[in-house]
Amino acid sequence: MMISIPAKLAEIIRKAAVIACPGITDPVSVTPEKNKDWEYVCPSAMKFFNMHKKKGSFGYPTCKEMADAILANIEPNNGVIQKIELAQAG
């Protein structure tokens, strides 16, 4: 059985996002990084922060703090993610 790597990554990140941002219902998007093998991009924290800015962005003062909280809630040893790097917005 084949699995979709972006879909599996989105599932893992979504679980972490729900813990970091209780009540969030927005989908997580994961796409392969252009011209790189086995690297993926997930701009969802920036999207979540901006979409929920008027409601307080789940209590996070910055997009980076929200991304850090999501990252902190990603299940370790999930069998899929080897390394995560947060990129600067923009």
Protein backbone atom coordinates (compact mmCIF):
# COMPACT_ATOMS: atom_id res chain seq x y z
CA MET A 1 0.00 0.00 0.00
CA MET A 2 1.36 3.39 -0.96
CA ILE A 3 0.86 6.45 1.19
CA SER A 4 1.01 10.07 0.18
CA ILE A 5 3.94 11.67 2.00
CA PRO A 6 2.42 15.20 1.89
CA ALA A 7 -0.89 13.81 3.23
CA LYS A 8 0.86 11.93 6.06
CA LEU A 9 2.91 15.02 6.97
CA ALA A 10 -0.25 17.14 6.94
CA GLU A 11 -1.93 14.64 9.28
CA ILE A 12 0.98 14.80 11.75
CA ILE A 13 1.15 18.61 11.62
CA ARG A 14 -2.64 18.90 11.90
CA LYS A 15 -2.63 16.90 15.15
CA ALA A 16 0.04 19.24 16.55
CA ALA A 17 -1.87 22.33 15.35
CA VAL A 18 -5.07 21.19 17.11
CA ILE A 19 -3.12 20.86 20.38
CA ALA A 20 -1.39 24.23 19.94
CA CYS A 21 -4.52 26.01 18.68
CA PRO A 22 -7.57 24.36 20.27
CA GLY A 23 -10.63 24.65 18.08
CA ILE A 24 -8.77 25.18 14.81
CA THR A 25 -10.57 23.63 11.86
CA ASP A 26 -8.53 24.96 8.95
CA PRO A 27 -6.77 22.42 6.71
CA VAL A 28 -2.99 21.97 6.76
CA SER A 29 -1.18 22.23 3.45
CA VAL A 30 2.11 20.46 2.71
CA THR A 31 3.85 20.67 -0.65
CA PRO A 32 7.15 19.31 -1.97
CA GLU A 33 9.97 21.85 -2.04
CA LYS A 34 10.90 22.72 -5.62
CA ASN A 35 14.13 21.19 -6.92
CA LYS A 36 14.87 19.30 -3.68
CA ASP A 37 14.52 15.64 -2.81
CA TRP A 38 12.51 14.71 0.25
CA GLU A 39 11.93 18.25 1.50
CA TYR A 40 8.47 19.65 2.06
CA VAL A 41 7.03 23.06 2.91
CA CYS A 42 4.12 23.73 5.25
CA PRO A 43 3.10 27.41 5.34
CA SER A 44 0.04 26.65 7.45
CA ALA A 45 1.17 28.43 10.65
CA MET A 46 1.48 31.71 8.75
CA LYS A 47 -1.91 31.09 7.13
CA PHE A 48 -3.55 30.22 10.48
CA PHE A 49 -2.05 33.26 12.19
CA ASN A 50 -3.22 35.66 9.50
CA MET A 51 -6.68 34.10 9.09
CA HIS A 52 -7.38 34.30 12.83
CA LYS A 53 -5.67 37.64 13.52
CA LYS A 54 -8.95 39.47 14.22
CA LYS A 55 -9.86 36.81 16.83
CA GLY A 56 -6.45 36.96 18.52
CA SER A 57 -4.58 34.22 16.61
CA PHE A 58 -5.23 31.68 19.38
CA GLY A 59 -3.33 33.88 21.84
CA TYR A 60 -0.03 33.95 19.93
CA PRO A 61 1.47 37.43 19.50
CA THR A 62 3.51 36.42 16.44
CA CYS A 63 3.37 33.90 13.65
CA LYS A 64 6.73 32.50 14.78
CA GLU A 65 5.40 31.82 18.27
CA MET A 66 2.43 29.98 16.79
CA ALA A 67 4.75 27.95 14.53
CA ASP A 68 7.00 27.16 17.53
CA ALA A 69 3.97 25.94 19.50
CA ILE A 70 2.84 23.70 16.64
CA LEU A 71 6.38 22.37 16.28
CA ALA A 72 6.58 21.65 20.01
CA ASN A 73 3.46 19.48 19.73
CA ILE A 74 4.61 17.32 16.81
CA GLU A 75 4.81 13.75 18.00
CA PRO A 76 8.46 12.72 18.29
CA ASN A 77 9.53 9.49 16.61
CA ASN A 78 6.54 9.62 14.27
CA GLY A 79 8.35 7.51 11.67
CA VAL A 80 7.99 10.14 8.96
CA ILE A 81 9.72 13.38 9.92
CA GLN A 82 13.48 13.31 10.26
CA LYS A 83 14.18 17.04 10.64
CA ILE A 84 12.13 20.24 10.89
CA GLU A 85 13.39 23.73 10.19
CA LEU A 86 11.37 26.89 10.65
CA ALA A 87 11.92 29.38 7.86
CA GLN A 88 11.59 33.13 8.16
CA ALA A 89 8.29 34.40 6.81
CA GLY A 90 8.56 35.96 3.37
